[in-house]
Amino acid sequence: MRCRSHPVVEILALAFVCVLLACTRAQPQLATKRHPLIVLGIDGAEWSVIHKLWKNGELPNLKRLAEEGTSAVLETDYGISPVIWTTMATGRKPEDHGITDFTVNTADGMVPVSSTVRKVPALWNMASRAGLNATVVGWWASWPAEEINGVVVSDRAHLQLERIVFPQTMEQTFSGEREKAKKEYPGFADGRSADDRWMQDGAFRDRIISHEARRLARAPFDVLFAYWRCVDIASHRYWTYYEPENYSDVRTAQVQEKADIIPTVYRTVDQAVGDILAAAPKDSNVIVVSDHGFFAGAEQHFVYLSMSRLLEILGFLVRDGDRVLFAQTTVFPVDSPPHAQIKKLRLSMAGRDPNGRVPPEAATQELERISKALATVTYQDGGPVFDLQRVDLPPGVDLIAKVRVDRPSLQIQIGKQLHEHVVEYINRISGTHDKNTHGVFIAKGPDVTAGAEVTGISVNDIAPTVLFALGLPVAEDFVGRAQTGLFTEHFRAHHALRTIPTWGTTASWGTTESAADSRLVDELRALGYMGEP
């Protein structure tokens, strides 16, 4: 793991914060008890789905929070999940907090965003600086786990990495708890999505989040943050079956099998919410948010296809294990991993490639032969697998085979013979969202006014509202404002809104690489968030 850091310390700003907090503690306050605060994030939670399930008598925990507290549409912004979740956690604009996309480009390639990319403190850093005890479970871009006054279970808790939890003394305990979590909350991914690697990964992560948030809710805390991702994954991948009326090419049998996947994930999140609240102090204030909602988008297919395996079947490529034997090979793929829809092919040419076997004068003839062979490769319904391109090619590429995704199948056909294991996986995306697909806001607690009007509340308002709920000052450089009207008159009488110029910036920031980066980037591609490399 390598971290590239750059000092960006605002000493005067941090000193001002510390002085203000010290003065605040020294000033006499009206006697009032601080109630614990629980902030729960559900990525991609959509009001239309929640209302439909409520109508059917489901999601009792979220419904009770809304009925006994208040609810509203949470206006979103920016359109990219880690950007939104970081804005909610910092109160700052993307250009200020530093997380502006899913990944960061480095000299070694794309690296998923992480806590070290963030240039400003998050709410848990602010709470720690004020002497409060914070618990963070699974928030996006919380790995590597930061050192705070409390506990961090990072968003990469399902992976075998260093610094996935803080404090380090809990690593051994966490390892055992993670094993227990594997058997819990099966609804995050059941048998209907058993062949969906991204649902399975997300399910394991969310099982850990649910288990750890429930366990840590029993320990003392001033503020607890927890975040689930499976609603977003399921909505991207299975919206076709949830709203089949919006898609013309969907089979009845598939709808019957998979229509309940999205509702089941919502039910499982609701169960986890109920378990956390049952474990936490009964007088906790609770805020539930989503970064955006969902709607039916155009269905997209992505085919994971091993070009090397196909070229072997066609007799153009010979390998010894993973090593290409160029002296016996006619053509081989370059920079074409299985997930790539653009397959770049290069002749094993004498005088150009080590041990190349194709004479330069025979290149045109060989490319014609390869093209004719690839044109015979079809899916099971007879549709061609490739569109071929032989002009306007990038340097070092002699032929491009673009994978067609209109009617893919797991088996391909060459002549009359079917072949398995060339198409490794078919990824389907249907549900989508944009910067105008608004999310969910629910709040309840002893300090929350039941039925409070918070129309127009935005993802930009979450950080200042959380700080106000904790009795901490709101920064003047925040992009949103504290929704003070959410809280009772009694609370507002005892907690005047205080401001400071800024909560400052982090002591250092930079990209942090890990052994899981390529896997996480593949997941982002599978969800339609990134194109081909």
Protein backbone atom coordinates (compact mmCIF):
# COMPACT_ATOMS: atom_id res chain seq x y z
CA MET A 1 0.00 0.00 0.00
CA ARG A 2 1.45 3.37 -1.01
CA CYS A 3 0.20 6.78 0.02
CA ARG A 4 1.24 9.93 -1.78
CA SER A 5 0.74 12.76 0.68
CA HIS A 6 0.94 16.53 0.34
CA PRO A 7 0.84 18.84 3.40
CA VAL A 8 -2.17 21.12 3.28
CA VAL A 9 -2.50 22.33 6.87
CA GLU A 10 -4.47 25.45 7.73
CA ILE A 11 -2.92 26.05 11.15
CA LEU A 12 -4.76 29.25 11.91
CA ALA A 13 -8.14 27.79 11.00
CA LEU A 14 -7.59 24.70 13.15
CA ALA A 15 -6.34 26.81 16.03
CA PHE A 16 -9.47 28.96 15.79
CA VAL A 17 -11.67 25.88 15.93
CA CYS A 18 -9.87 24.57 18.99
CA VAL A 19 -10.10 27.92 20.79
CA LEU A 20 -13.81 28.26 19.99
CA LEU A 21 -14.56 24.76 21.23
CA ALA A 22 -12.57 25.34 24.40
CA CYS A 23 -14.44 28.58 25.04
CA THR A 24 -17.75 26.86 24.37
CA ARG A 25 -17.00 24.22 26.98
CA ALA A 26 -16.03 26.93 29.48
CA GLN A 27 -19.24 28.91 29.02
CA PRO A 28 -22.21 28.08 31.26
CA GLN A 29 -24.93 26.20 29.41
CA LEU A 30 -28.56 25.67 30.29
CA ALA A 31 -28.93 22.17 31.74
CA THR A 32 -29.92 19.79 28.99
CA LYS A 33 -29.08 16.23 28.12
CA ARG A 34 -27.36 15.48 24.83
CA HIS A 35 -29.13 12.62 23.11
CA PRO A 36 -27.10 10.25 20.93
CA LEU A 37 -27.45 10.75 17.19
CA ILE A 38 -27.66 7.95 14.60
CA VAL A 39 -27.16 8.80 10.91
CA LEU A 40 -28.08 5.98 8.51
CA GLY A 41 -27.26 6.16 4.80
CA ILE A 42 -28.99 3.95 2.21
CA ASP A 43 -27.37 4.35 -1.20
CA GLY A 44 -29.96 4.77 -3.95
CA ALA A 45 -33.08 4.54 -1.76
CA GLU A 46 -36.03 5.66 -3.89
CA TRP A 47 -39.27 7.07 -2.43
CA SER A 48 -41.54 5.36 -4.99
CA VAL A 49 -40.25 1.93 -3.94
CA ILE A 50 -40.57 2.75 -0.25
CA HIS A 51 -44.14 4.06 -0.65
CA LYS A 52 -45.15 0.97 -2.63
CA LEU A 53 -43.78 -1.33 0.07
CA TRP A 54 -45.38 0.76 2.81
CA LYS A 55 -48.72 0.39 1.03
CA ASN A 56 -48.22 -3.37 1.24
CA GLY A 57 -47.56 -3.16 4.98
CA GLU A 58 -43.79 -3.59 4.66
CA LEU A 59 -40.68 -1.74 5.90
CA PRO A 60 -42.14 -1.24 9.38
CA ASN A 61 -39.03 0.34 10.89
CA LEU A 62 -38.62 3.07 8.28
CA LYS A 63 -42.38 3.67 8.33
CA ARG A 64 -42.43 4.08 12.12
CA LEU A 65 -39.57 6.59 11.95
CA ALA A 66 -41.40 8.62 9.29
CA GLU A 67 -44.80 8.49 10.99
CA GLU A 68 -43.49 9.37 14.45
CA GLY A 69 -40.99 11.90 13.10
CA THR A 70 -40.88 13.58 9.72
CA SER A 71 -39.91 12.81 6.14
CA ALA A 72 -39.11 14.71 2.98
CA VAL A 73 -37.60 14.48 -0.47
CA LEU A 74 -33.85 15.05 -0.14
CA GLU A 75 -32.71 17.14 -3.08
CA THR A 76 -29.55 15.66 -4.56
CA ASP A 77 -26.67 17.19 -6.47
CA TYR A 78 -23.50 16.23 -8.37
CA GLY A 79 -24.87 12.86 -9.63
CA ILE A 80 -21.95 10.70 -8.43
CA SER A 81 -22.40 8.67 -5.24
CA PRO A 82 -19.00 9.06 -3.52
CA VAL A 83 -19.11 12.78 -4.28
CA ILE A 84 -22.55 13.13 -2.69
CA TRP A 85 -21.74 11.00 0.36
CA THR A 86 -18.56 12.98 0.94
CA THR A 87 -20.43 16.28 0.65
CA MET A 88 -22.96 15.00 3.19
CA ALA A 89 -20.09 14.02 5.49
CA THR A 90 -18.08 17.24 5.10
CA GLY A 91 -20.48 20.05 4.21
CA ARG A 92 -18.11 21.17 1.47
CA LYS A 93 -18.29 21.37 -2.33
CA PRO A 94 -16.55 18.62 -4.33
CA GLU A 95 -13.83 20.99 -5.50
CA ASP A 96 -13.13 21.74 -1.82
CA HIS A 97 -13.34 18.26 -0.31
CA GLY A 98 -11.38 16.69 -3.16
CA ILE A 99 -13.54 13.72 -4.12
CA THR A 100 -14.91 14.54 -7.54
CA ASP A 101 -15.35 11.09 -9.10
CA PHE A 102 -15.26 7.37 -8.32
CA THR A 103 -11.53 7.15 -9.00
CA VAL A 104 -8.34 9.18 -9.07
CA ASN A 105 -5.84 8.89 -11.91
CA THR A 106 -2.28 8.07 -10.91
CA ALA A 107 0.89 7.14 -12.77
CA ASP A 108 -0.02 3.49 -12.09
CA GLY A 109 -3.59 3.77 -13.34
CA MET A 110 -6.99 4.45 -11.77
CA VAL A 111 -7.27 4.18 -7.98
CA PRO A 112 -10.68 4.14 -6.23
CA VAL A 113 -11.28 7.14 -3.97
CA SER A 114 -10.42 6.69 -0.32
CA SER A 115 -10.32 8.61 2.95
CA THR A 116 -6.85 9.96 2.14
CA VAL A 117 -8.15 11.68 -1.00
CA ARG A 118 -10.47 13.80 1.13
CA LYS A 119 -8.92 17.21 1.76
CA VAL A 120 -11.20 18.34 4.59
CA PRO A 121 -12.41 16.80 7.86
CA ALA A 122 -15.53 14.66 7.92
CA LEU A 123 -18.21 14.86 10.59
CA TRP A 124 -16.52 12.13 12.62
CA ASN A 125 -13.26 14.12 12.60
CA MET A 126 -15.12 17.24 13.72
CA ALA A 127 -16.95 15.34 16.47
CA SER A 128 -13.66 13.81 17.66
CA ARG A 129 -11.98 17.20 17.73
CA ALA A 130 -14.81 18.42 19.96
CA GLY A 131 -14.27 15.51 22.36
CA LEU A 132 -17.30 13.48 21.24
CA ASN A 133 -17.25 9.74 20.68
CA ALA A 134 -17.95 8.82 17.04
CA THR A 135 -18.65 5.43 15.43
CA VAL A 136 -18.38 5.06 11.65
CA VAL A 137 -19.51 1.90 9.86
CA GLY A 138 -19.12 1.51 6.09
CA TRP A 139 -19.36 5.13 4.91
CA TRP A 140 -18.18 5.49 1.31
CA ALA A 141 -14.46 6.39 1.09
CA SER A 142 -13.77 5.65 4.76
CA TRP A 143 -10.84 3.33 3.99
CA PRO A 144 -8.10 3.48 5.26
CA ALA A 145 -9.76 3.72 8.65
CA GLU A 146 -8.93 7.07 10.24
CA GLU A 147 -7.73 7.57 13.79
CA ILE A 148 -10.62 9.19 15.63
CA ASN A 149 -12.05 9.37 19.11
CA GLY A 150 -14.16 6.26 18.57
CA VAL A 151 -14.39 3.38 16.12
CA VAL A 152 -14.20 3.08 12.33
CA VAL A 153 -15.24 0.03 10.30
CA SER A 154 -14.34 1.15 6.80
CA ASP A 155 -16.21 0.63 3.52
CA ARG A 156 -13.67 -2.06 2.53
CA ALA A 157 -14.42 -4.21 5.56
CA HIS A 158 -15.25 -7.18 3.30
CA LEU A 159 -11.75 -7.21 1.78
CA GLN A 160 -8.45 -8.57 3.07
CA LEU A 161 -6.58 -5.30 3.52
CA GLU A 162 -4.66 -3.41 6.15
CA ARG A 163 -6.31 -0.61 8.12
CA ILE A 164 -9.88 -1.68 7.48
CA VAL A 165 -10.79 -0.90 11.11
CA PHE A 166 -9.72 1.51 13.86
CA PRO A 167 -8.50 1.09 16.53
CA GLN A 168 -6.08 -1.60 15.42
CA THR A 169 -6.65 -3.40 18.73
CA MET A 170 -10.09 -4.46 17.46
CA GLU A 171 -8.74 -6.19 14.32
CA GLN A 172 -8.72 -9.66 15.88
CA THR A 173 -12.21 -9.22 17.30
CA PHE A 174 -13.42 -7.84 13.98
CA SER A 175 -12.09 -10.87 12.09
CA GLY A 176 -14.30 -13.15 14.19
CA GLU A 177 -17.31 -10.86 13.88
CA ARG A 178 -16.91 -10.76 10.09
CA GLU A 179 -17.20 -14.53 9.95
CA LYS A 180 -20.41 -14.38 11.97
CA ALA A 181 -21.81 -11.74 9.61
CA LYS A 182 -21.58 -14.09 6.60
CA LYS A 183 -24.62 -15.98 7.87
CA GLU A 184 -26.76 -12.95 8.64
CA TYR A 185 -29.17 -10.87 6.56
CA PRO A 186 -29.42 -13.26 3.59
CA GLY A 187 -31.85 -10.95 1.79
CA PHE A 188 -29.02 -8.68 0.65
CA ALA A 189 -28.36 -11.34 -2.02
CA ASP A 190 -30.28 -14.58 -2.22
CA GLY A 191 -30.37 -17.49 -4.67
CA ARG A 192 -32.05 -15.43 -7.41
CA SER A 193 -28.83 -13.42 -7.79
CA ALA A 194 -26.39 -16.19 -6.88
CA ASP A 195 -24.51 -15.82 -10.18
CA ASP A 196 -24.16 -12.05 -9.74
CA ARG A 197 -20.67 -11.46 -8.37
CA TRP A 198 -21.31 -7.80 -7.64
CA MET A 199 -24.48 -8.49 -5.67
CA GLN A 200 -22.59 -11.13 -3.71
CA ASP A 201 -19.73 -8.73 -2.96
CA GLY A 202 -22.16 -6.00 -1.96
CA ALA A 203 -24.16 -8.42 0.16
CA PHE A 204 -21.08 -9.51 2.10
CA ARG A 205 -20.16 -5.87 2.70
CA ASP A 206 -23.66 -4.94 3.85
CA ARG A 207 -23.94 -7.99 6.11
CA ILE A 208 -20.77 -6.85 7.85
CA ILE A 209 -22.07 -3.28 8.08
CA SER A 210 -25.38 -4.43 9.57
CA HIS A 211 -23.70 -6.78 12.05
CA GLU A 212 -21.09 -4.26 13.18
CA ALA A 213 -23.47 -1.28 13.39
CA ARG A 214 -25.82 -3.36 15.55
CA ARG A 215 -22.94 -4.54 17.75
CA LEU A 216 -21.36 -1.11 18.12
CA ALA A 217 -24.73 0.54 18.80
CA ARG A 218 -24.67 -1.22 22.17
CA ALA A 219 -21.47 0.60 23.13
CA PRO A 220 -21.42 4.23 24.27
CA PHE A 221 -21.35 6.78 21.43
CA ASP A 222 -22.35 10.38 20.78
CA VAL A 223 -22.86 9.91 17.05
CA LEU A 224 -23.02 6.75 14.93
CA PHE A 225 -22.83 6.67 11.13
CA ALA A 226 -23.73 3.57 9.08
CA TYR A 227 -24.12 3.13 5.33
CA TRP A 228 -25.51 0.37 3.03
CA ARG A 229 -24.81 -0.04 -0.69
CA CYS A 230 -26.91 -3.04 -1.84
CA VAL A 231 -30.06 -1.05 -2.66
CA ASP A 232 -28.03 0.88 -5.25
CA ILE A 233 -26.44 -2.28 -6.71
CA ALA A 234 -29.76 -4.13 -6.95
CA SER A 235 -31.49 -1.11 -8.49
CA HIS A 236 -28.88 -0.73 -11.21
CA ARG A 237 -28.96 -4.41 -12.09
CA TYR A 238 -32.58 -5.54 -11.62
CA TRP A 239 -34.84 -2.56 -12.37
CA THR A 240 -35.87 -4.31 -15.60
CA TYR A 241 -37.66 -6.94 -13.54
CA TYR A 242 -38.99 -4.54 -10.90
CA GLU A 243 -40.73 -2.37 -13.53
CA PRO A 244 -40.99 -4.67 -16.58
CA GLU A 245 -43.69 -2.47 -18.07
CA ASN A 246 -40.94 0.02 -18.99
CA TYR A 247 -38.98 -2.54 -21.05
CA SER A 248 -40.15 -4.17 -24.26
CA ASP A 249 -37.68 -7.07 -24.32
CA VAL A 250 -38.10 -8.85 -21.01
CA ARG A 251 -39.23 -12.43 -20.57
CA THR A 252 -42.12 -13.30 -18.25
CA ALA A 253 -40.19 -16.13 -16.64
CA GLN A 254 -37.34 -13.78 -15.75
CA VAL A 255 -39.77 -11.28 -14.25
CA GLN A 256 -41.38 -13.97 -12.13
CA GLU A 257 -37.96 -15.09 -10.91
CA LYS A 258 -36.32 -11.72 -10.27
CA ALA A 259 -39.07 -9.13 -9.68
CA ASP A 260 -38.69 -9.39 -5.91
CA ILE A 261 -34.91 -8.90 -5.71
CA ILE A 262 -35.10 -5.11 -5.23
CA PRO A 263 -37.96 -5.24 -2.68
CA THR A 264 -36.11 -7.96 -0.74
CA VAL A 265 -33.01 -5.79 -0.42
CA TYR A 266 -35.18 -2.92 0.89
CA ARG A 267 -36.77 -5.30 3.40
CA THR A 268 -33.34 -6.43 4.55
CA VAL A 269 -32.10 -2.87 5.06
CA ASP A 270 -35.26 -2.14 7.03
CA GLN A 271 -34.57 -5.18 9.20
CA ALA A 272 -31.01 -3.98 9.80
CA VAL A 273 -32.27 -0.49 10.68
CA GLY A 274 -34.67 -2.01 13.21
CA ASP A 275 -31.91 -4.14 14.73
CA ILE A 276 -29.60 -1.15 15.13
CA LEU A 277 -32.30 0.97 16.75
CA ALA A 278 -33.21 -1.88 19.10
CA ALA A 279 -29.57 -2.10 20.19
CA ALA A 280 -29.02 1.66 20.54
CA PRO A 281 -30.18 3.91 23.39
CA LYS A 282 -33.94 4.42 23.18
CA ASP A 283 -33.58 8.20 23.37
CA SER A 284 -31.44 8.45 20.24
CA ASN A 285 -32.16 10.94 17.50
CA VAL A 286 -32.21 9.23 14.09
CA ILE A 287 -31.62 10.61 10.59
CA VAL A 288 -31.99 8.40 7.49
CA VAL A 289 -30.77 9.67 4.10
CA SER A 290 -30.15 8.46 0.57
CA ASP A 291 -27.88 10.17 -1.93
CA HIS A 292 -30.31 9.84 -4.83
CA GLY A 293 -33.27 7.82 -6.05
CA PHE A 294 -33.76 5.65 -9.15
CA PHE A 295 -35.77 5.40 -12.33
CA ALA A 296 -36.01 3.06 -15.32
CA GLY A 297 -33.17 3.69 -17.75
CA ALA A 298 -32.25 2.12 -21.07
CA GLU A 299 -31.07 -1.43 -20.48
CA GLN A 300 -27.36 -1.93 -21.14
CA HIS A 301 -25.47 -5.19 -21.51
CA PHE A 302 -21.78 -5.77 -20.84
CA VAL A 303 -20.24 -9.08 -21.93
CA TYR A 304 -17.21 -10.47 -20.08
CA LEU A 305 -15.48 -12.47 -22.82
CA SER A 306 -12.05 -14.13 -22.85
CA MET A 307 -10.56 -13.26 -26.24
CA SER A 308 -7.50 -15.43 -25.60
CA ARG A 309 -9.67 -18.49 -25.03
CA LEU A 310 -11.65 -17.81 -28.20
CA LEU A 311 -8.51 -17.35 -30.30
CA GLU A 312 -7.22 -20.66 -28.94
CA ILE A 313 -10.41 -22.42 -30.04
CA LEU A 314 -10.07 -20.87 -33.50
CA GLY A 315 -6.46 -22.04 -33.71
CA PHE A 316 -4.86 -18.61 -33.89
CA LEU A 317 -3.23 -18.52 -30.43
CA VAL A 318 -1.15 -21.04 -28.50
CA ARG A 319 -0.37 -20.70 -24.80
CA ASP A 320 1.68 -22.47 -22.19
CA GLY A 321 -0.35 -21.65 -19.09
CA ASP A 322 -0.71 -17.86 -19.17
CA ARG A 323 2.30 -17.42 -21.45
CA VAL A 324 1.68 -16.80 -25.17
CA LEU A 325 3.92 -18.88 -27.45
CA PHE A 326 4.49 -16.25 -30.13
CA ALA A 327 6.38 -18.58 -32.47
CA GLN A 328 3.20 -20.69 -32.78
CA THR A 329 0.67 -17.84 -32.54
CA THR A 330 -0.88 -15.83 -35.39
CA VAL A 331 -2.71 -13.15 -33.43
CA PHE A 332 -3.10 -12.24 -29.75
CA PRO A 333 -5.13 -9.71 -27.72
CA VAL A 334 -3.46 -6.62 -26.26
CA ASP A 335 -4.90 -4.52 -23.42
CA SER A 336 -8.16 -6.48 -23.65
CA PRO A 337 -9.24 -7.80 -20.23
CA PRO A 338 -12.46 -9.88 -20.09
CA HIS A 339 -14.63 -6.88 -19.12
CA ALA A 340 -13.45 -4.79 -22.12
CA GLN A 341 -16.03 -4.52 -24.90
CA ILE A 342 -13.32 -3.38 -27.34
CA LYS A 343 -10.91 -6.25 -28.06
CA LYS A 344 -7.60 -5.05 -29.51
CA LEU A 345 -5.74 -7.68 -31.54
CA ARG A 346 -2.15 -7.71 -32.76
CA LEU A 347 -0.49 -10.01 -35.26
CA SER A 348 2.51 -11.98 -34.04
CA MET A 349 4.62 -10.48 -36.80
CA ALA A 350 8.18 -11.46 -37.66
CA GLY A 351 10.66 -8.64 -37.23
CA ARG A 352 8.26 -6.68 -35.02
CA ASP A 353 7.28 -9.00 -32.19
CA PRO A 354 9.67 -11.35 -30.33
CA ASN A 355 9.54 -14.74 -32.07
CA GLY A 356 6.78 -13.44 -34.37
CA ARG A 357 5.71 -15.94 -37.00
CA VAL A 358 3.69 -13.92 -39.55
CA PRO A 359 5.84 -12.46 -42.37
CA PRO A 360 5.02 -8.77 -42.97
CA GLU A 361 4.10 -9.51 -46.61
CA ALA A 362 1.46 -12.00 -45.38
CA ALA A 363 -0.14 -9.62 -42.84
CA THR A 364 -3.08 -8.56 -45.04
CA GLN A 365 -3.89 -12.14 -45.98
CA GLU A 366 -3.75 -13.29 -42.33
CA LEU A 367 -5.96 -10.44 -41.16
CA GLU A 368 -8.54 -11.43 -43.80
CA ARG A 369 -8.44 -15.03 -42.59
CA ILE A 370 -8.83 -13.98 -38.94
CA SER A 371 -11.68 -11.61 -39.80
CA LYS A 372 -13.60 -14.33 -41.66
CA ALA A 373 -13.17 -16.71 -38.72
CA LEU A 374 -14.38 -14.12 -36.17
CA ALA A 375 -17.39 -13.34 -38.38
CA THR A 376 -18.55 -16.95 -37.93
CA VAL A 377 -18.68 -16.61 -34.13
CA THR A 378 -22.29 -16.10 -33.01
CA TYR A 379 -24.45 -16.12 -29.92
CA GLN A 380 -26.95 -18.95 -29.49
CA ASP A 381 -29.69 -17.09 -31.37
CA GLY A 382 -27.38 -16.68 -34.39
CA GLY A 383 -26.53 -13.02 -33.84
CA PRO A 384 -22.88 -12.07 -34.48
CA VAL A 385 -20.62 -11.61 -31.45
CA PHE A 386 -18.30 -9.05 -33.07
CA ASP A 387 -18.21 -5.95 -35.21
CA LEU A 388 -14.75 -5.84 -36.83
CA GLN A 389 -12.63 -2.78 -37.55
CA ARG A 390 -9.42 -2.75 -39.63
CA VAL A 391 -8.90 0.97 -40.27
CA ASP A 392 -8.18 3.99 -38.02
CA LEU A 393 -6.53 1.77 -35.44
CA PRO A 394 -4.37 2.89 -32.50
CA PRO A 395 -0.62 2.21 -32.67
CA GLY A 396 0.32 -1.43 -32.13
CA VAL A 397 -3.15 -2.75 -33.00
CA ASP A 398 -3.90 -4.61 -36.26
CA LEU A 399 -7.59 -5.47 -35.75
CA ILE A 400 -10.38 -4.43 -33.38
CA ALA A 401 -13.24 -6.76 -32.52
CA LYS A 402 -16.03 -4.83 -30.78
CA VAL A 403 -18.29 -7.10 -28.72
CA ARG A 404 -21.96 -6.80 -29.67
CA VAL A 405 -24.30 -6.78 -26.70
CA ASP A 406 -27.78 -6.73 -28.25
CA ARG A 407 -28.68 -10.39 -27.54
CA PRO A 408 -25.76 -11.98 -25.63
CA SER A 409 -25.72 -15.55 -24.29
CA LEU A 410 -23.36 -17.47 -22.03
CA GLN A 411 -22.57 -19.91 -24.84
CA ILE A 412 -21.16 -18.96 -28.22
CA GLN A 413 -21.46 -20.92 -31.44
CA ILE A 414 -18.75 -21.57 -34.04
CA GLY A 415 -20.23 -23.35 -37.01
CA LYS A 416 -22.59 -25.90 -35.46
CA GLN A 417 -20.67 -26.36 -32.22
CA LEU A 418 -21.49 -24.61 -28.94
CA HIS A 419 -18.64 -23.50 -26.69
CA GLU A 420 -18.82 -22.62 -22.98
CA HIS A 421 -16.39 -20.62 -20.83
CA VAL A 422 -15.57 -18.08 -23.55
CA VAL A 423 -18.31 -15.73 -22.32
CA GLU A 424 -17.55 -15.66 -18.61
CA TYR A 425 -20.33 -13.36 -17.50
CA ILE A 426 -23.13 -11.13 -18.83
CA ASN A 427 -23.66 -7.92 -16.92
CA ARG A 428 -26.99 -6.10 -17.27
CA ILE A 429 -27.72 -2.54 -16.13
CA SER A 430 -31.19 -0.98 -16.24
CA GLY A 431 -31.99 1.28 -13.26
CA THR A 432 -30.31 4.66 -13.34
CA HIS A 433 -30.21 8.13 -11.79
CA ASP A 434 -28.86 11.61 -12.42
CA LYS A 435 -28.27 14.81 -10.48
CA ASN A 436 -32.02 15.51 -10.50
CA THR A 437 -33.11 12.09 -9.15
CA HIS A 438 -33.77 13.10 -5.58
CA GLY A 439 -33.33 10.95 -2.50
CA VAL A 440 -34.87 10.21 0.89
CA PHE A 441 -34.84 12.06 4.20
CA ILE A 442 -36.41 10.73 7.41
CA ALA A 443 -35.81 11.98 10.95
CA LYS A 444 -37.17 11.08 14.38
CA GLY A 445 -36.12 11.51 17.98
CA PRO A 446 -36.66 13.39 21.24
CA ASP A 447 -35.13 16.53 19.71
CA VAL A 448 -36.99 16.28 16.38
CA THR A 449 -40.35 17.96 15.87
CA ALA A 450 -42.87 15.39 14.64
CA GLY A 451 -44.18 16.47 11.25
CA ALA A 452 -41.58 19.22 10.89
CA GLU A 453 -41.60 20.90 7.47
CA VAL A 454 -38.19 20.55 5.84
CA THR A 455 -39.22 21.14 2.23
CA GLY A 456 -36.22 21.89 0.06
CA ILE A 457 -33.71 20.12 2.26
CA SER A 458 -30.65 19.14 0.24
CA VAL A 459 -27.70 16.77 0.51
CA ASN A 460 -25.69 19.96 1.08
CA ASP A 461 -27.64 20.56 4.32
CA ILE A 462 -26.87 17.24 6.00
CA ALA A 463 -23.47 18.09 7.52
CA PRO A 464 -24.54 21.42 9.05
CA THR A 465 -27.77 19.85 10.32
CA VAL A 466 -25.86 16.99 11.97
CA LEU A 467 -23.45 19.44 13.63
CA PHE A 468 -26.38 21.50 14.93
CA ALA A 469 -27.96 18.31 16.31
CA LEU A 470 -24.69 17.60 18.14
CA GLY A 471 -24.46 21.13 19.55
CA LEU A 472 -21.35 21.90 17.49
CA PRO A 473 -20.66 25.02 15.40
CA VAL A 474 -21.45 25.12 11.69
CA ALA A 475 -18.74 26.37 9.34
CA GLU A 476 -19.35 29.46 7.23
CA ASP A 477 -17.61 27.80 4.27
CA PHE A 478 -20.20 25.00 4.13
CA VAL A 479 -22.23 24.84 0.94
CA GLY A 480 -25.55 24.17 2.74
CA ARG A 481 -27.29 25.32 5.90
CA ALA A 482 -28.47 23.77 9.15
CA GLN A 483 -32.15 22.86 9.03
CA THR A 484 -32.85 24.23 12.51
CA GLY A 485 -36.62 24.03 11.95
CA LEU A 486 -36.34 20.25 12.11
CA PHE A 487 -35.76 20.45 15.86
CA THR A 488 -38.05 21.16 18.79
CA GLU A 489 -38.40 24.60 20.36
CA HIS A 490 -36.89 23.20 23.56
CA PHE A 491 -33.80 21.99 21.72
CA ARG A 492 -33.36 25.27 19.86
CA ALA A 493 -33.76 27.24 23.10
CA HIS A 494 -30.87 25.33 24.64
CA HIS A 495 -28.70 25.09 21.51
CA ALA A 496 -28.30 28.36 19.68
CA LEU A 497 -26.88 28.03 16.18
CA ARG A 498 -23.18 28.91 16.35
CA THR A 499 -20.81 29.38 13.43
CA ILE A 500 -17.09 29.39 12.79
CA PRO A 501 -15.27 30.42 9.60
CA THR A 502 -14.11 26.88 8.80
CA TRP A 503 -13.36 23.44 10.23
CA GLY A 504 -10.11 23.62 8.29
CA THR A 505 -8.46 21.01 6.10
CA THR A 506 -6.78 17.68 6.76
CA ALA A 507 -3.11 17.55 7.69
CA SER A 508 -2.24 15.61 4.53
CA TRP A 509 -4.00 14.11 1.56
CA GLY A 510 -3.20 11.95 -1.43
CA THR A 511 -4.09 8.70 -3.15
CA THR A 512 -3.72 5.39 -1.37
CA GLU A 513 -3.34 2.22 -3.40
CA SER A 514 -4.34 -1.28 -2.35
CA ALA A 515 -4.34 -4.83 -3.68
CA ALA A 516 -8.12 -4.57 -4.16
CA ASP A 517 -8.08 -1.56 -6.53
CA SER A 518 -8.61 -3.46 -9.79
CA ARG A 519 -11.46 -5.45 -8.26
CA LEU A 520 -13.17 -2.28 -7.06
CA VAL A 521 -12.72 -0.58 -10.43
CA ASP A 522 -14.27 -3.64 -12.11
CA GLU A 523 -17.26 -3.27 -9.79
CA LEU A 524 -17.69 0.37 -10.82
CA ARG A 525 -17.65 -0.70 -14.49
CA ALA A 526 -20.18 -3.45 -13.77
CA LEU A 527 -22.57 -0.88 -12.32
CA GLY A 528 -22.21 1.32 -15.39
CA TYR A 529 -20.29 4.07 -13.58
CA MET A 530 -17.17 3.79 -15.71
CA GLY A 531 -16.43 3.09 -19.35
CA GLU A 532 -13.71 0.90 -20.76
CA PRO A 533 -10.07 1.70 -20.02
